Every structure is written in structure tokens, then in C-alpha cells.
Amino acid sequence: MPGWVSDALVDAGLGQAYRDRPPYQRNDYLSWINRAVRDATKRKRLHQMLAELEAGDVYMGREGHPRRS
């Protein structure tokens, strides 16, 4: 995981929400963010990931990921 992504998770207080996701979702998020060529796109995708982790029931723009307690 790139340090700037890790830092963003910590700053947003979403590290545990990220770790609670299944491994395939964590890998999808990182791969999707890192595939972007432009920095602006990487930041946009990072913000989407953070928003989805905050919501708890969204994964890659689709509803359905149950929030774990």
C-alpha cells in the first residue's frame, strides 16, 4: 500500500474499516487507485474509497457491502 493511501486512511480514521473489508476488496481498491495515470484521478479514486468505507455499505460504487460490527 502506498504511504499516501495509508496516511489518508489514518487521517480519516478509516484504517479499521479498510482492514474489515475482505482481501479481494482491499486489493481491488489499491489496484484501481494505482492504475490511474493522472494524480488527480488517483486522488479522486482515493476519495471515493474513503467515502465508501465511511458509508460502510458501498463497494466500488455499488451498494451491498454489509457494515461489520
N, C-alpha and C. Protein backbone atom coordinates (compact mmCIF):
# COMPACT_ATOMS: atom_id res chain seq x y z
N MET A 1 0.85 -1.17 0.00
CA MET A 1 0.00 0.00 0.00
C MET A 1 0.90 1.24 0.00
N PRO A 2 0.64 2.15 -0.93
CA PRO A 2 1.43 3.39 -0.93
C PRO A 2 1.22 4.16 0.38
N GLY A 3 2.26 4.81 0.84
CA GLY A 3 2.22 5.55 2.09
C GLY A 3 1.15 6.62 2.10
N TRP A 4 0.92 7.29 0.97
CA TRP A 4 -0.07 8.36 0.95
C TRP A 4 -1.49 7.81 1.10
N VAL A 5 -1.72 6.56 0.67
CA VAL A 5 -3.04 5.94 0.88
C VAL A 5 -3.19 5.56 2.35
N SER A 6 -2.15 4.97 2.89
CA SER A 6 -2.16 4.61 4.32
C SER A 6 -2.37 5.84 5.18
N ASP A 7 -1.67 6.91 4.86
CA ASP A 7 -1.83 8.17 5.61
C ASP A 7 -3.25 8.69 5.53
N ALA A 8 -3.86 8.60 4.35
CA ALA A 8 -5.23 9.08 4.18
C ALA A 8 -6.21 8.25 5.02
N LEU A 9 -5.99 6.94 5.07
CA LEU A 9 -6.84 6.08 5.90
C LEU A 9 -6.72 6.45 7.38
N VAL A 10 -5.50 6.67 7.83
CA VAL A 10 -5.27 7.04 9.23
C VAL A 10 -5.89 8.40 9.52
N ASP A 11 -5.63 9.37 8.65
CA ASP A 11 -6.15 10.73 8.85
C ASP A 11 -7.68 10.75 8.90
N ALA A 12 -8.31 9.88 8.12
CA ALA A 12 -9.77 9.83 8.08
C ALA A 12 -10.34 8.92 9.17
N GLY A 13 -9.47 8.24 9.90
CA GLY A 13 -9.94 7.32 10.94
C GLY A 13 -10.63 6.09 10.37
N LEU A 14 -10.21 5.66 9.17
CA LEU A 14 -10.87 4.56 8.49
C LEU A 14 -9.99 3.33 8.31
N GLY A 15 -8.89 3.28 9.03
CA GLY A 15 -7.99 2.13 8.92
C GLY A 15 -8.67 0.82 9.25
N GLN A 16 -9.45 0.80 10.32
CA GLN A 16 -10.13 -0.43 10.71
C GLN A 16 -11.22 -0.79 9.71
N ALA A 17 -11.92 0.19 9.21
CA ALA A 17 -12.95 -0.08 8.19
C ALA A 17 -12.32 -0.71 6.96
N TYR A 18 -11.13 -0.26 6.59
CA TYR A 18 -10.41 -0.84 5.45
C TYR A 18 -10.01 -2.28 5.78
N ARG A 19 -9.44 -2.50 6.94
CA ARG A 19 -9.00 -3.84 7.33
C ARG A 19 -10.17 -4.81 7.47
N ASP A 20 -11.35 -4.31 7.77
CA ASP A 20 -12.54 -5.16 7.90
C ASP A 20 -13.07 -5.65 6.56
N ARG A 21 -12.68 -5.01 5.49
CA ARG A 21 -13.12 -5.45 4.17
C ARG A 21 -12.41 -6.76 3.81
N PRO A 22 -13.06 -7.60 3.00
CA PRO A 22 -12.41 -8.83 2.55
C PRO A 22 -11.15 -8.51 1.74
N PRO A 23 -10.18 -9.41 1.74
CA PRO A 23 -8.94 -9.14 1.00
C PRO A 23 -9.14 -8.76 -0.46
N TYR A 24 -10.11 -9.38 -1.14
CA TYR A 24 -10.29 -9.05 -2.55
C TYR A 24 -10.72 -7.59 -2.72
N GLN A 25 -11.52 -7.06 -1.79
CA GLN A 25 -11.94 -5.67 -1.89
C GLN A 25 -10.77 -4.73 -1.61
N ARG A 26 -9.98 -5.05 -0.62
CA ARG A 26 -8.80 -4.22 -0.33
C ARG A 26 -7.88 -4.18 -1.54
N ASN A 27 -7.64 -5.34 -2.14
CA ASN A 27 -6.78 -5.41 -3.32
C ASN A 27 -7.38 -4.66 -4.50
N ASP A 28 -8.69 -4.80 -4.69
CA ASP A 28 -9.35 -4.08 -5.79
C ASP A 28 -9.18 -2.57 -5.63
N TYR A 29 -9.43 -2.07 -4.43
CA TYR A 29 -9.29 -0.63 -4.20
C TYR A 29 -7.87 -0.16 -4.53
N LEU A 30 -6.87 -0.83 -4.00
CA LEU A 30 -5.48 -0.39 -4.22
C LEU A 30 -5.11 -0.49 -5.69
N SER A 31 -5.49 -1.57 -6.33
CA SER A 31 -5.17 -1.74 -7.75
C SER A 31 -5.85 -0.66 -8.59
N TRP A 32 -7.11 -0.39 -8.29
CA TRP A 32 -7.89 0.60 -9.02
C TRP A 32 -7.28 1.99 -8.86
N ILE A 33 -6.90 2.33 -7.66
CA ILE A 33 -6.28 3.64 -7.41
C ILE A 33 -4.95 3.74 -8.15
N ASN A 34 -4.13 2.71 -8.04
CA ASN A 34 -2.79 2.75 -8.63
C ASN A 34 -2.77 2.64 -10.14
N ARG A 35 -3.84 2.13 -10.75
CA ARG A 35 -3.90 2.05 -12.22
C ARG A 35 -4.10 3.41 -12.87
N ALA A 36 -4.57 4.37 -12.12
CA ALA A 36 -4.78 5.71 -12.67
C ALA A 36 -3.45 6.32 -13.08
N VAL A 37 -3.45 7.00 -14.17
CA VAL A 37 -2.22 7.63 -14.67
C VAL A 37 -2.04 9.01 -14.04
N ARG A 38 -3.09 9.78 -14.04
CA ARG A 38 -3.00 11.15 -13.52
C ARG A 38 -3.17 11.17 -12.01
N ASP A 39 -2.42 12.05 -11.36
CA ASP A 39 -2.52 12.20 -9.91
C ASP A 39 -3.92 12.63 -9.49
N ALA A 40 -4.54 13.48 -10.29
CA ALA A 40 -5.89 13.94 -9.97
C ALA A 40 -6.87 12.77 -9.94
N THR A 41 -6.70 11.83 -10.85
CA THR A 41 -7.57 10.66 -10.89
C THR A 41 -7.30 9.77 -9.69
N LYS A 42 -6.03 9.62 -9.32
CA LYS A 42 -5.70 8.83 -8.13
C LYS A 42 -6.35 9.43 -6.88
N ARG A 43 -6.29 10.74 -6.76
CA ARG A 43 -6.90 11.41 -5.61
C ARG A 43 -8.41 11.24 -5.61
N LYS A 44 -9.03 11.35 -6.79
CA LYS A 44 -10.48 11.18 -6.90
C LYS A 44 -10.88 9.77 -6.47
N ARG A 45 -10.12 8.78 -6.92
CA ARG A 45 -10.43 7.40 -6.56
C ARG A 45 -10.19 7.15 -5.08
N LEU A 46 -9.15 7.74 -4.54
CA LEU A 46 -8.89 7.62 -3.10
C LEU A 46 -10.06 8.19 -2.31
N HIS A 47 -10.55 9.35 -2.72
CA HIS A 47 -11.67 9.97 -2.01
C HIS A 47 -12.93 9.12 -2.13
N GLN A 48 -13.13 8.47 -3.27
CA GLN A 48 -14.28 7.58 -3.41
C GLN A 48 -14.14 6.40 -2.46
N MET A 49 -12.94 5.81 -2.38
CA MET A 49 -12.73 4.70 -1.47
C MET A 49 -13.01 5.11 -0.03
N LEU A 50 -12.51 6.27 0.38
CA LEU A 50 -12.73 6.75 1.73
C LEU A 50 -14.22 6.97 2.01
N ALA A 51 -14.92 7.53 1.05
CA ALA A 51 -16.37 7.76 1.22
C ALA A 51 -17.12 6.44 1.34
N GLU A 52 -16.71 5.46 0.57
CA GLU A 52 -17.36 4.15 0.63
C GLU A 52 -17.06 3.45 1.95
N LEU A 53 -15.84 3.58 2.43
CA LEU A 53 -15.50 2.99 3.73
C LEU A 53 -16.29 3.67 4.84
N GLU A 54 -16.45 4.97 4.73
CA GLU A 54 -17.23 5.73 5.72
C GLU A 54 -18.69 5.28 5.71
N ALA A 55 -19.25 5.11 4.50
CA ALA A 55 -20.65 4.69 4.38
C ALA A 55 -20.83 3.27 4.90
N GLY A 56 -19.85 2.43 4.64
CA GLY A 56 -19.87 1.08 5.16
C GLY A 56 -20.65 0.06 4.37
N ASP A 57 -21.55 0.47 3.52
CA ASP A 57 -22.37 -0.49 2.78
C ASP A 57 -22.26 -0.31 1.27
N VAL A 58 -21.15 0.26 0.84
CA VAL A 58 -20.91 0.51 -0.58
C VAL A 58 -19.54 -0.04 -0.94
N TYR A 59 -19.46 -0.66 -2.11
CA TYR A 59 -18.18 -1.17 -2.62
C TYR A 59 -18.11 -0.89 -4.10
N MET A 60 -17.14 -0.11 -4.50
CA MET A 60 -16.89 0.24 -5.89
C MET A 60 -18.15 0.79 -6.57
N GLY A 61 -18.83 1.68 -5.85
CA GLY A 61 -19.99 2.35 -6.40
C GLY A 61 -21.29 1.57 -6.32
N ARG A 62 -21.22 0.37 -5.75
CA ARG A 62 -22.43 -0.46 -5.64
C ARG A 62 -22.77 -0.67 -4.18
N GLU A 63 -24.04 -0.65 -3.88
CA GLU A 63 -24.48 -0.93 -2.51
C GLU A 63 -24.38 -2.43 -2.26
N GLY A 64 -24.28 -2.78 -0.97
CA GLY A 64 -24.37 -4.18 -0.65
C GLY A 64 -23.31 -4.71 0.29
N HIS A 65 -22.25 -3.96 0.51
CA HIS A 65 -21.26 -4.45 1.47
C HIS A 65 -21.79 -4.21 2.87
N PRO A 66 -22.04 -5.28 3.64
CA PRO A 66 -22.57 -5.08 5.00
C PRO A 66 -21.53 -4.46 5.92
N ARG A 67 -22.00 -3.57 6.75
CA ARG A 67 -21.12 -2.96 7.75
C ARG A 67 -20.87 -4.01 8.82
N ARG A 68 -19.63 -4.21 9.15
CA ARG A 68 -19.29 -5.16 10.22
C ARG A 68 -19.29 -4.45 11.55
N SER A 69 -19.70 -5.16 12.59
CA SER A 69 -19.70 -4.54 13.91
C SER A 69 -18.65 -5.15 14.80
